[in-house]
N, C-alpha and C. Protein backbone atom coordinates (compact mmCIF):
# COMPACT_ATOMS: atom_id res chain seq x y z
N TRP A 1 6.68 -11.71 7.44
CA TRP A 1 5.56 -10.86 7.04
C TRP A 1 5.45 -9.61 7.89
N GLU A 2 6.40 -9.38 8.75
CA GLU A 2 6.40 -8.14 9.53
C GLU A 2 7.36 -7.16 8.87
N TYR A 3 6.98 -5.95 8.78
CA TYR A 3 7.62 -4.83 8.13
C TYR A 3 7.49 -4.93 6.61
N VAL A 4 8.13 -5.83 5.94
CA VAL A 4 7.93 -6.02 4.51
C VAL A 4 7.28 -7.37 4.34
N PRO A 5 6.08 -7.47 3.79
CA PRO A 5 5.35 -6.44 3.08
C PRO A 5 4.30 -5.70 3.90
N LEU A 6 4.07 -6.02 5.16
CA LEU A 6 2.98 -5.41 5.91
C LEU A 6 3.32 -4.08 6.56
N GLY A 7 4.54 -3.70 6.64
CA GLY A 7 4.90 -2.50 7.38
C GLY A 7 5.09 -2.85 8.84
N PRO A 8 5.50 -1.88 9.66
CA PRO A 8 5.72 -2.16 11.10
C PRO A 8 4.38 -2.27 11.81
N PHE A 9 3.64 -3.33 11.49
CA PHE A 9 2.25 -3.42 11.86
C PHE A 9 2.01 -3.90 13.28
N LEU A 10 2.68 -4.94 13.71
CA LEU A 10 2.40 -5.52 15.02
C LEU A 10 2.74 -4.55 16.17
N ALA A 11 3.59 -3.58 15.91
CA ALA A 11 3.91 -2.59 16.94
C ALA A 11 2.71 -1.69 17.24
N LYS A 12 1.68 -1.72 16.39
CA LYS A 12 0.51 -0.88 16.58
C LYS A 12 -0.51 -1.50 17.52
N SER A 13 -0.24 -2.67 18.05
CA SER A 13 -1.22 -3.33 18.92
C SER A 13 -1.05 -2.95 20.39
N PHE A 14 -0.31 -1.89 20.67
CA PHE A 14 -0.17 -1.41 22.04
C PHE A 14 0.17 0.08 22.02
N ALA A 15 -0.08 0.78 23.12
CA ALA A 15 0.24 2.19 23.31
C ALA A 15 -0.31 3.08 22.20
N SER A 16 -1.54 2.81 21.78
CA SER A 16 -2.18 3.61 20.74
C SER A 16 -3.10 4.65 21.36
N SER A 17 -3.39 5.68 20.61
CA SER A 17 -4.39 6.66 21.03
C SER A 17 -5.44 6.76 19.93
N ILE A 18 -6.58 7.38 20.24
CA ILE A 18 -7.65 7.48 19.26
C ILE A 18 -8.08 8.92 19.08
N SER A 19 -8.71 9.18 17.97
CA SER A 19 -9.25 10.51 17.69
C SER A 19 -10.69 10.57 18.17
N PRO A 20 -11.30 11.75 18.12
CA PRO A 20 -12.70 11.85 18.53
C PRO A 20 -13.68 11.26 17.53
N TRP A 21 -13.25 10.94 16.31
CA TRP A 21 -14.20 10.40 15.35
C TRP A 21 -14.12 8.89 15.28
N ILE A 22 -15.24 8.29 15.60
CA ILE A 22 -15.38 6.84 15.54
C ILE A 22 -16.56 6.54 14.64
N VAL A 23 -16.34 5.78 13.61
CA VAL A 23 -17.39 5.44 12.65
C VAL A 23 -17.53 3.93 12.63
N THR A 24 -18.73 3.45 12.80
CA THR A 24 -18.96 2.01 12.85
C THR A 24 -18.94 1.41 11.44
N LEU A 25 -18.71 0.11 11.37
CA LEU A 25 -18.75 -0.59 10.09
C LEU A 25 -20.15 -0.53 9.48
N ASP A 26 -21.19 -0.55 10.31
CA ASP A 26 -22.56 -0.45 9.79
C ASP A 26 -22.75 0.87 9.04
N ALA A 27 -22.23 1.96 9.57
CA ALA A 27 -22.37 3.26 8.91
C ALA A 27 -21.60 3.31 7.59
N LEU A 28 -20.53 2.53 7.48
CA LEU A 28 -19.70 2.52 6.28
C LEU A 28 -20.23 1.60 5.18
N GLU A 29 -21.20 0.77 5.49
CA GLU A 29 -21.68 -0.24 4.54
C GLU A 29 -22.02 0.31 3.15
N PRO A 30 -22.68 1.48 3.02
CA PRO A 30 -22.98 1.99 1.67
C PRO A 30 -21.74 2.39 0.86
N PHE A 31 -20.59 2.41 1.49
CA PHE A 31 -19.37 2.87 0.83
C PHE A 31 -18.36 1.74 0.63
N ARG A 32 -18.83 0.51 0.77
CA ARG A 32 -17.97 -0.66 0.59
C ARG A 32 -17.48 -0.70 -0.87
N THR A 33 -16.20 -1.07 -1.06
CA THR A 33 -15.61 -1.14 -2.40
C THR A 33 -14.55 -2.23 -2.45
N GLU A 34 -14.06 -2.50 -3.64
CA GLU A 34 -13.01 -3.50 -3.84
C GLU A 34 -11.71 -3.03 -3.20
N SER A 35 -10.94 -3.98 -2.69
CA SER A 35 -9.58 -3.71 -2.21
C SER A 35 -8.63 -3.80 -3.40
N PRO A 36 -7.46 -3.20 -3.30
CA PRO A 36 -6.46 -3.40 -4.36
C PRO A 36 -6.16 -4.89 -4.50
N LYS A 37 -5.87 -5.31 -5.71
CA LYS A 37 -5.56 -6.72 -5.97
C LYS A 37 -4.19 -7.06 -5.37
N PRO A 38 -4.08 -8.22 -4.72
CA PRO A 38 -2.79 -8.63 -4.14
C PRO A 38 -1.71 -8.75 -5.22
N LEU A 39 -0.50 -8.32 -4.90
CA LEU A 39 0.61 -8.42 -5.84
C LEU A 39 1.19 -9.82 -5.89
N LYS A 40 1.01 -10.58 -4.81
CA LYS A 40 1.45 -11.97 -4.79
C LYS A 40 0.52 -12.74 -3.88
N LYS A 41 0.58 -14.06 -3.96
CA LYS A 41 -0.30 -14.88 -3.15
C LYS A 41 -0.05 -14.61 -1.67
N GLN A 42 -1.14 -14.40 -0.95
CA GLN A 42 -1.04 -14.08 0.47
C GLN A 42 -1.10 -15.35 1.31
N LEU A 43 -0.56 -15.25 2.50
CA LEU A 43 -0.66 -16.38 3.43
C LEU A 43 -2.13 -16.71 3.63
N GLU A 44 -2.43 -17.96 3.94
CA GLU A 44 -3.82 -18.42 4.00
C GLU A 44 -4.69 -17.57 4.92
N TYR A 45 -4.18 -17.20 6.08
CA TYR A 45 -5.00 -16.44 7.03
C TYR A 45 -5.24 -15.00 6.58
N LEU A 46 -4.56 -14.55 5.53
CA LEU A 46 -4.76 -13.19 5.00
C LEU A 46 -5.59 -13.16 3.71
N GLN A 47 -6.00 -14.33 3.20
CA GLN A 47 -6.79 -14.37 1.98
C GLN A 47 -8.24 -14.04 2.30
N TYR A 48 -8.94 -13.46 1.34
CA TYR A 48 -10.33 -13.02 1.55
C TYR A 48 -11.10 -13.05 0.24
N LYS A 49 -12.42 -12.93 0.35
CA LYS A 49 -13.30 -12.83 -0.82
C LYS A 49 -14.23 -11.64 -0.61
N GLY A 50 -14.66 -11.02 -1.71
CA GLY A 50 -15.64 -9.95 -1.63
C GLY A 50 -15.02 -8.58 -1.45
N LYS A 51 -15.91 -7.59 -1.31
CA LYS A 51 -15.51 -6.19 -1.13
C LYS A 51 -15.17 -5.98 0.34
N LYS A 52 -13.91 -5.72 0.63
CA LYS A 52 -13.46 -5.58 2.02
C LYS A 52 -12.93 -4.19 2.35
N SER A 53 -13.00 -3.26 1.41
CA SER A 53 -12.50 -1.92 1.69
C SER A 53 -13.66 -0.92 1.65
N PHE A 54 -13.35 0.36 1.89
CA PHE A 54 -14.35 1.41 1.94
C PHE A 54 -13.82 2.65 1.24
N ASP A 55 -14.72 3.36 0.54
CA ASP A 55 -14.39 4.59 -0.15
C ASP A 55 -14.52 5.74 0.84
N ILE A 56 -13.42 6.05 1.52
CA ILE A 56 -13.38 7.11 2.54
C ILE A 56 -12.36 8.15 2.09
N LYS A 57 -12.83 9.34 1.79
CA LYS A 57 -11.94 10.42 1.36
C LYS A 57 -11.28 11.06 2.58
N LEU A 58 -9.99 11.26 2.50
CA LEU A 58 -9.22 11.80 3.62
C LEU A 58 -8.34 12.97 3.16
N GLN A 59 -8.23 13.96 4.03
CA GLN A 59 -7.39 15.12 3.75
C GLN A 59 -6.51 15.39 4.97
N VAL A 60 -5.25 15.73 4.72
CA VAL A 60 -4.32 16.05 5.80
C VAL A 60 -3.73 17.43 5.56
N ALA A 61 -3.70 18.24 6.62
CA ALA A 61 -3.13 19.58 6.54
C ALA A 61 -2.13 19.78 7.67
N ILE A 62 -1.18 20.67 7.44
CA ILE A 62 -0.23 21.09 8.47
C ILE A 62 -0.47 22.59 8.71
N GLN A 63 -0.56 22.96 9.98
CA GLN A 63 -0.72 24.37 10.33
C GLN A 63 0.39 24.75 11.30
N PRO A 64 1.39 25.50 10.80
CA PRO A 64 2.42 25.99 11.71
C PRO A 64 1.79 26.97 12.72
N GLU A 65 2.43 27.13 13.85
CA GLU A 65 1.91 28.02 14.89
C GLU A 65 1.69 29.43 14.35
N ASP A 66 0.48 29.99 14.60
CA ASP A 66 0.11 31.35 14.20
C ASP A 66 0.12 31.57 12.68
N LYS A 67 -0.09 30.50 11.91
CA LYS A 67 -0.14 30.61 10.45
C LYS A 67 -1.34 29.83 9.92
N VAL A 68 -1.65 30.01 8.65
CA VAL A 68 -2.75 29.27 8.04
C VAL A 68 -2.30 27.85 7.71
N GLU A 69 -3.26 26.98 7.60
CA GLU A 69 -2.94 25.59 7.27
C GLU A 69 -2.64 25.42 5.79
N THR A 70 -1.87 24.38 5.49
CA THR A 70 -1.60 23.97 4.11
C THR A 70 -2.03 22.52 3.98
N VAL A 71 -2.90 22.25 3.03
CA VAL A 71 -3.28 20.86 2.77
C VAL A 71 -2.09 20.18 2.09
N VAL A 72 -1.61 19.09 2.67
CA VAL A 72 -0.44 18.41 2.12
C VAL A 72 -0.78 17.08 1.46
N ALA A 73 -1.99 16.54 1.73
CA ALA A 73 -2.36 15.26 1.12
C ALA A 73 -3.87 15.12 1.03
N ASN A 74 -4.32 14.55 -0.08
CA ASN A 74 -5.69 14.10 -0.26
C ASN A 74 -5.59 12.65 -0.70
N THR A 75 -6.14 11.76 0.10
CA THR A 75 -6.01 10.34 -0.19
C THR A 75 -7.35 9.65 0.05
N ASN A 76 -7.35 8.34 0.01
CA ASN A 76 -8.59 7.58 0.18
C ASN A 76 -8.28 6.24 0.81
N PHE A 77 -9.11 5.85 1.76
CA PHE A 77 -8.93 4.57 2.45
C PHE A 77 -8.96 3.38 1.48
N LYS A 78 -9.62 3.53 0.34
CA LYS A 78 -9.74 2.42 -0.61
C LYS A 78 -8.38 2.00 -1.17
N TYR A 79 -7.35 2.82 -0.98
CA TYR A 79 -6.01 2.47 -1.45
C TYR A 79 -5.27 1.54 -0.50
N MET A 80 -5.86 1.28 0.68
CA MET A 80 -5.19 0.40 1.65
C MET A 80 -4.97 -0.98 1.04
N TYR A 81 -3.72 -1.38 0.93
CA TYR A 81 -3.41 -2.69 0.38
C TYR A 81 -3.92 -3.79 1.30
N TRP A 82 -3.79 -3.59 2.60
CA TRP A 82 -4.25 -4.56 3.59
C TRP A 82 -5.55 -4.06 4.18
N ASN A 83 -6.66 -4.75 3.89
CA ASN A 83 -7.96 -4.30 4.41
C ASN A 83 -8.07 -4.61 5.91
N MET A 84 -9.13 -4.08 6.51
CA MET A 84 -9.27 -4.21 7.97
C MET A 84 -9.47 -5.66 8.41
N SER A 85 -10.10 -6.48 7.59
CA SER A 85 -10.23 -7.90 7.94
C SER A 85 -8.86 -8.56 8.02
N GLN A 86 -8.01 -8.24 7.07
CA GLN A 86 -6.65 -8.78 7.09
C GLN A 86 -5.87 -8.23 8.28
N GLN A 87 -6.03 -6.95 8.56
CA GLN A 87 -5.31 -6.35 9.68
C GLN A 87 -5.74 -6.98 11.01
N LEU A 88 -7.03 -7.23 11.15
CA LEU A 88 -7.52 -7.90 12.36
C LEU A 88 -6.90 -9.29 12.48
N ALA A 89 -6.90 -10.04 11.38
CA ALA A 89 -6.31 -11.38 11.40
C ALA A 89 -4.83 -11.31 11.76
N HIS A 90 -4.11 -10.33 11.21
CA HIS A 90 -2.68 -10.23 11.48
C HIS A 90 -2.40 -9.76 12.90
N HIS A 91 -3.25 -8.88 13.43
CA HIS A 91 -3.09 -8.44 14.82
C HIS A 91 -3.09 -9.63 15.77
N THR A 92 -3.95 -10.58 15.52
CA THR A 92 -4.10 -11.70 16.44
C THR A 92 -3.00 -12.75 16.29
N ILE A 93 -2.22 -12.69 15.24
CA ILE A 93 -1.21 -13.72 14.98
C ILE A 93 -0.09 -13.69 16.02
N ASN A 94 0.12 -12.53 16.68
CA ASN A 94 1.15 -12.47 17.71
C ASN A 94 0.57 -12.57 19.11
N GLY A 95 -0.71 -12.96 19.19
CA GLY A 95 -1.34 -13.13 20.50
C GLY A 95 -2.04 -11.90 21.02
N CYS A 96 -2.14 -10.85 20.22
CA CYS A 96 -2.83 -9.63 20.65
C CYS A 96 -4.28 -9.98 20.95
N PRO A 97 -4.74 -9.72 22.17
CA PRO A 97 -6.13 -10.02 22.49
C PRO A 97 -7.06 -8.99 21.86
N VAL A 98 -8.05 -9.45 21.13
CA VAL A 98 -9.03 -8.57 20.51
C VAL A 98 -10.40 -8.98 21.04
N ASN A 99 -11.14 -8.01 21.53
CA ASN A 99 -12.44 -8.27 22.12
C ASN A 99 -13.53 -7.49 21.43
N SER A 100 -14.78 -7.91 21.57
CA SER A 100 -15.90 -7.16 21.04
C SER A 100 -15.85 -5.74 21.59
N GLY A 101 -16.05 -4.77 20.72
CA GLY A 101 -16.02 -3.37 21.13
C GLY A 101 -14.66 -2.72 20.98
N ASP A 102 -13.61 -3.49 20.74
CA ASP A 102 -12.30 -2.90 20.51
C ASP A 102 -12.32 -2.11 19.21
N MET A 103 -11.50 -1.07 19.13
CA MET A 103 -11.38 -0.27 17.92
C MET A 103 -10.07 -0.60 17.23
N MET A 104 -10.09 -0.47 15.90
CA MET A 104 -8.89 -0.72 15.11
C MET A 104 -8.51 0.56 14.37
N GLY A 105 -7.24 0.84 14.31
CA GLY A 105 -6.72 1.94 13.51
C GLY A 105 -5.96 1.37 12.34
N SER A 106 -6.13 1.92 11.17
CA SER A 106 -5.56 1.35 9.96
C SER A 106 -4.07 1.63 9.81
N GLY A 107 -3.60 2.72 10.35
CA GLY A 107 -2.22 3.11 10.09
C GLY A 107 -2.14 4.01 8.86
N THR A 108 -0.98 4.12 8.27
CA THR A 108 -0.72 5.03 7.16
C THR A 108 -1.54 4.66 5.92
N ILE A 109 -2.18 5.66 5.33
CA ILE A 109 -2.98 5.45 4.12
C ILE A 109 -2.36 6.25 2.99
N SER A 110 -1.71 5.57 2.08
CA SER A 110 -1.05 6.22 0.95
C SER A 110 -1.75 5.87 -0.35
N GLY A 111 -1.96 6.91 -1.18
CA GLY A 111 -2.55 6.70 -2.49
C GLY A 111 -1.48 6.56 -3.56
N PRO A 112 -1.90 6.50 -4.83
CA PRO A 112 -0.97 6.22 -5.93
C PRO A 112 -0.20 7.42 -6.46
N THR A 113 -0.56 8.64 -6.04
CA THR A 113 0.09 9.83 -6.57
C THR A 113 0.82 10.59 -5.45
N PRO A 114 1.81 11.40 -5.80
CA PRO A 114 2.58 12.10 -4.76
C PRO A 114 1.73 12.95 -3.82
N ASP A 115 0.61 13.52 -4.29
CA ASP A 115 -0.23 14.33 -3.41
C ASP A 115 -1.17 13.49 -2.55
N SER A 116 -1.09 12.16 -2.69
CA SER A 116 -1.93 11.27 -1.89
C SER A 116 -1.12 10.37 -0.96
N TYR A 117 0.17 10.66 -0.84
CA TYR A 117 1.00 9.86 0.06
C TYR A 117 0.59 10.11 1.50
N GLY A 118 0.79 9.13 2.37
CA GLY A 118 0.23 9.17 3.71
C GLY A 118 1.19 9.48 4.84
N SER A 119 2.41 9.84 4.55
CA SER A 119 3.34 10.19 5.62
C SER A 119 4.29 11.27 5.12
N MET A 120 4.85 12.02 6.05
CA MET A 120 5.82 13.04 5.66
C MET A 120 7.06 12.42 5.02
N LEU A 121 7.40 11.22 5.44
CA LEU A 121 8.54 10.52 4.84
C LEU A 121 8.31 10.34 3.34
N GLU A 122 7.07 9.97 2.97
CA GLU A 122 6.73 9.81 1.55
C GLU A 122 6.52 11.17 0.87
N LEU A 123 5.74 12.06 1.51
CA LEU A 123 5.42 13.36 0.90
C LEU A 123 6.67 14.17 0.58
N SER A 124 7.67 14.11 1.44
CA SER A 124 8.92 14.85 1.20
C SER A 124 9.99 13.97 0.55
N TRP A 125 9.59 12.78 0.16
CA TRP A 125 10.48 11.82 -0.48
C TRP A 125 11.80 11.68 0.30
N ARG A 126 11.63 11.21 1.56
CA ARG A 126 12.74 11.00 2.50
C ARG A 126 13.48 12.29 2.83
N GLY A 127 12.77 13.42 2.75
CA GLY A 127 13.38 14.72 3.05
C GLY A 127 14.07 15.37 1.87
N GLU A 128 14.07 14.72 0.71
CA GLU A 128 14.74 15.26 -0.47
C GLU A 128 13.91 16.32 -1.19
N LYS A 129 12.57 16.29 -1.02
CA LYS A 129 11.66 17.23 -1.69
C LYS A 129 10.75 17.87 -0.64
N PRO A 130 11.21 18.92 0.03
CA PRO A 130 10.40 19.55 1.08
C PRO A 130 9.02 19.97 0.57
N VAL A 131 8.03 19.84 1.44
CA VAL A 131 6.65 20.23 1.13
C VAL A 131 6.53 21.74 1.39
N LYS A 132 6.12 22.49 0.37
CA LYS A 132 5.98 23.94 0.48
C LYS A 132 4.72 24.30 1.27
N LEU A 133 4.83 25.32 2.13
CA LEU A 133 3.71 25.78 2.93
C LEU A 133 3.15 27.08 2.36
N LYS A 134 1.85 27.33 2.57
CA LYS A 134 1.16 28.51 2.01
C LYS A 134 1.82 29.83 2.39
N GLU A 135 2.18 29.98 3.64
CA GLU A 135 2.73 31.26 4.12
C GLU A 135 4.25 31.27 4.09
N GLY A 136 4.82 30.48 3.21
CA GLY A 136 6.28 30.42 3.11
C GLY A 136 6.85 29.32 3.97
N GLY A 137 8.06 28.98 3.69
CA GLY A 137 8.70 27.89 4.41
C GLY A 137 8.30 26.55 3.83
N ASP A 138 8.81 25.52 4.43
CA ASP A 138 8.51 24.16 3.97
C ASP A 138 8.69 23.19 5.12
N ARG A 139 8.36 21.97 4.85
CA ARG A 139 8.51 20.90 5.84
C ARG A 139 9.04 19.64 5.17
N LYS A 140 10.05 19.06 5.82
CA LYS A 140 10.48 17.70 5.47
C LYS A 140 9.80 16.73 6.41
N PHE A 141 9.60 17.19 7.64
CA PHE A 141 8.93 16.42 8.68
C PHE A 141 8.13 17.39 9.54
N ILE A 142 7.24 16.89 10.36
CA ILE A 142 6.46 17.73 11.26
C ILE A 142 7.43 18.35 12.27
N GLU A 143 7.22 19.64 12.57
CA GLU A 143 8.10 20.34 13.51
C GLU A 143 7.35 20.70 14.78
N ASP A 144 8.11 21.04 15.82
CA ASP A 144 7.51 21.50 17.08
C ASP A 144 6.51 22.61 16.79
N ASN A 145 5.38 22.57 17.49
CA ASN A 145 4.29 23.53 17.41
C ASN A 145 3.49 23.50 16.11
N ASP A 146 3.76 22.54 15.23
CA ASP A 146 2.90 22.31 14.07
C ASP A 146 1.64 21.58 14.54
N THR A 147 0.52 21.91 13.94
CA THR A 147 -0.72 21.18 14.17
C THR A 147 -1.02 20.37 12.92
N VAL A 148 -1.27 19.08 13.10
CA VAL A 148 -1.66 18.21 12.00
C VAL A 148 -3.17 18.04 12.08
N ILE A 149 -3.84 18.28 10.95
CA ILE A 149 -5.30 18.23 10.89
C ILE A 149 -5.70 17.16 9.87
N ILE A 150 -6.58 16.26 10.29
CA ILE A 150 -7.08 15.21 9.40
C ILE A 150 -8.59 15.34 9.31
N ARG A 151 -9.11 15.34 8.07
CA ARG A 151 -10.55 15.39 7.82
C ARG A 151 -10.93 14.17 6.98
N GLY A 152 -12.13 13.67 7.19
CA GLY A 152 -12.57 12.53 6.41
C GLY A 152 -14.07 12.54 6.17
N TYR A 153 -14.47 11.93 5.05
CA TYR A 153 -15.88 11.76 4.77
C TYR A 153 -16.07 10.70 3.69
N CYS A 154 -17.27 10.16 3.64
CA CYS A 154 -17.70 9.26 2.58
C CYS A 154 -18.84 9.96 1.85
N GLU A 155 -18.94 9.69 0.56
CA GLU A 155 -20.02 10.32 -0.20
C GLU A 155 -20.35 9.45 -1.41
N ASN A 156 -21.65 9.25 -1.63
CA ASN A 156 -22.12 8.63 -2.86
C ASN A 156 -23.31 9.45 -3.35
N LYS A 157 -24.04 8.96 -4.34
CA LYS A 157 -25.13 9.76 -4.90
C LYS A 157 -26.28 9.96 -3.93
N ASP A 158 -26.37 9.16 -2.88
CA ASP A 158 -27.48 9.23 -1.94
C ASP A 158 -27.16 9.90 -0.61
N ILE A 159 -25.92 9.85 -0.18
CA ILE A 159 -25.63 10.25 1.20
C ILE A 159 -24.18 10.74 1.34
N ARG A 160 -23.98 11.63 2.28
CA ARG A 160 -22.62 12.05 2.68
C ARG A 160 -22.50 11.77 4.16
N LEU A 161 -21.46 11.06 4.54
CA LEU A 161 -21.19 10.72 5.93
C LEU A 161 -19.91 11.43 6.34
N GLY A 162 -20.04 12.48 7.15
CA GLY A 162 -18.88 13.24 7.59
C GLY A 162 -18.25 12.65 8.83
N PHE A 163 -16.94 12.63 8.87
CA PHE A 163 -16.20 12.14 10.02
C PHE A 163 -15.77 13.30 10.93
N GLY A 164 -15.96 14.54 10.47
CA GLY A 164 -15.43 15.67 11.21
C GLY A 164 -13.93 15.78 11.00
N GLU A 165 -13.26 16.36 11.96
CA GLU A 165 -11.81 16.48 11.86
C GLU A 165 -11.17 16.19 13.20
N VAL A 166 -9.93 15.81 13.14
CA VAL A 166 -9.12 15.64 14.34
C VAL A 166 -7.85 16.44 14.11
N SER A 167 -7.41 17.13 15.16
CA SER A 167 -6.17 17.89 15.03
C SER A 167 -5.33 17.68 16.29
N THR A 168 -4.04 17.68 16.08
CA THR A 168 -3.11 17.49 17.18
C THR A 168 -1.92 18.41 16.98
N LYS A 169 -1.58 19.14 18.02
CA LYS A 169 -0.42 20.02 17.98
C LYS A 169 0.77 19.29 18.58
N LEU A 170 1.87 19.30 17.85
CA LEU A 170 3.09 18.66 18.32
C LEU A 170 3.82 19.64 19.25
N LEU A 171 3.86 19.31 20.51
CA LEU A 171 4.51 20.19 21.49
C LEU A 171 5.99 19.82 21.62
N PRO A 172 6.82 20.82 21.89
CA PRO A 172 8.25 20.53 22.07
C PRO A 172 8.47 19.66 23.30
N VAL A 173 9.49 18.84 23.25
CA VAL A 173 9.84 18.00 24.38
C VAL A 173 10.38 18.86 25.51
N PHE A 174 11.21 19.84 25.17
CA PHE A 174 11.82 20.73 26.15
C PHE A 174 11.45 22.15 25.85
N LYS A 175 11.22 22.94 26.90
CA LYS A 175 10.97 24.38 26.73
C LYS A 175 12.30 25.07 26.51
N LYS A 176 12.29 26.04 25.59
CA LYS A 176 13.49 26.86 25.38
C LYS A 176 13.61 27.84 26.53
N GLN A 177 14.83 28.04 27.01
CA GLN A 177 15.02 28.95 28.15
C GLN A 177 15.74 30.19 27.72
């Protein structure tokens, strides 16, 4: 159950970093929704009942150095095949200690359409279909000095819950001389 069908999941239980936006489960309660239906019977510890996902709209942009950003994906957390309850259960299966107050990161969030894919590997279809940028050029993968920007929010008829944005600039490993 590691890599296929869960993805390289257990590797995420160490050496992680976090963004400045932290949203509690209590704040997300009005946006609870159904998870995608399992494609096959899941192991007992991964089975669940009820609404275990959340309707969280997400946008990802790439901004090359000294250029305008290009939105490359609009997706939604509700597309996560493995909900956070399942991810928590799977994290602990390899002995990962989880304590009250710990934070969980979901990993890649991919939607059903090409503009909602959650990684450059998917968006560029393994590098075969480069993603076009607003000011010219394209990307198969993130390049040195690109800034990746992620924005998120939840919204229903009563309330909008903004997550703000997080951005990270990919710095070169070596300086050019």
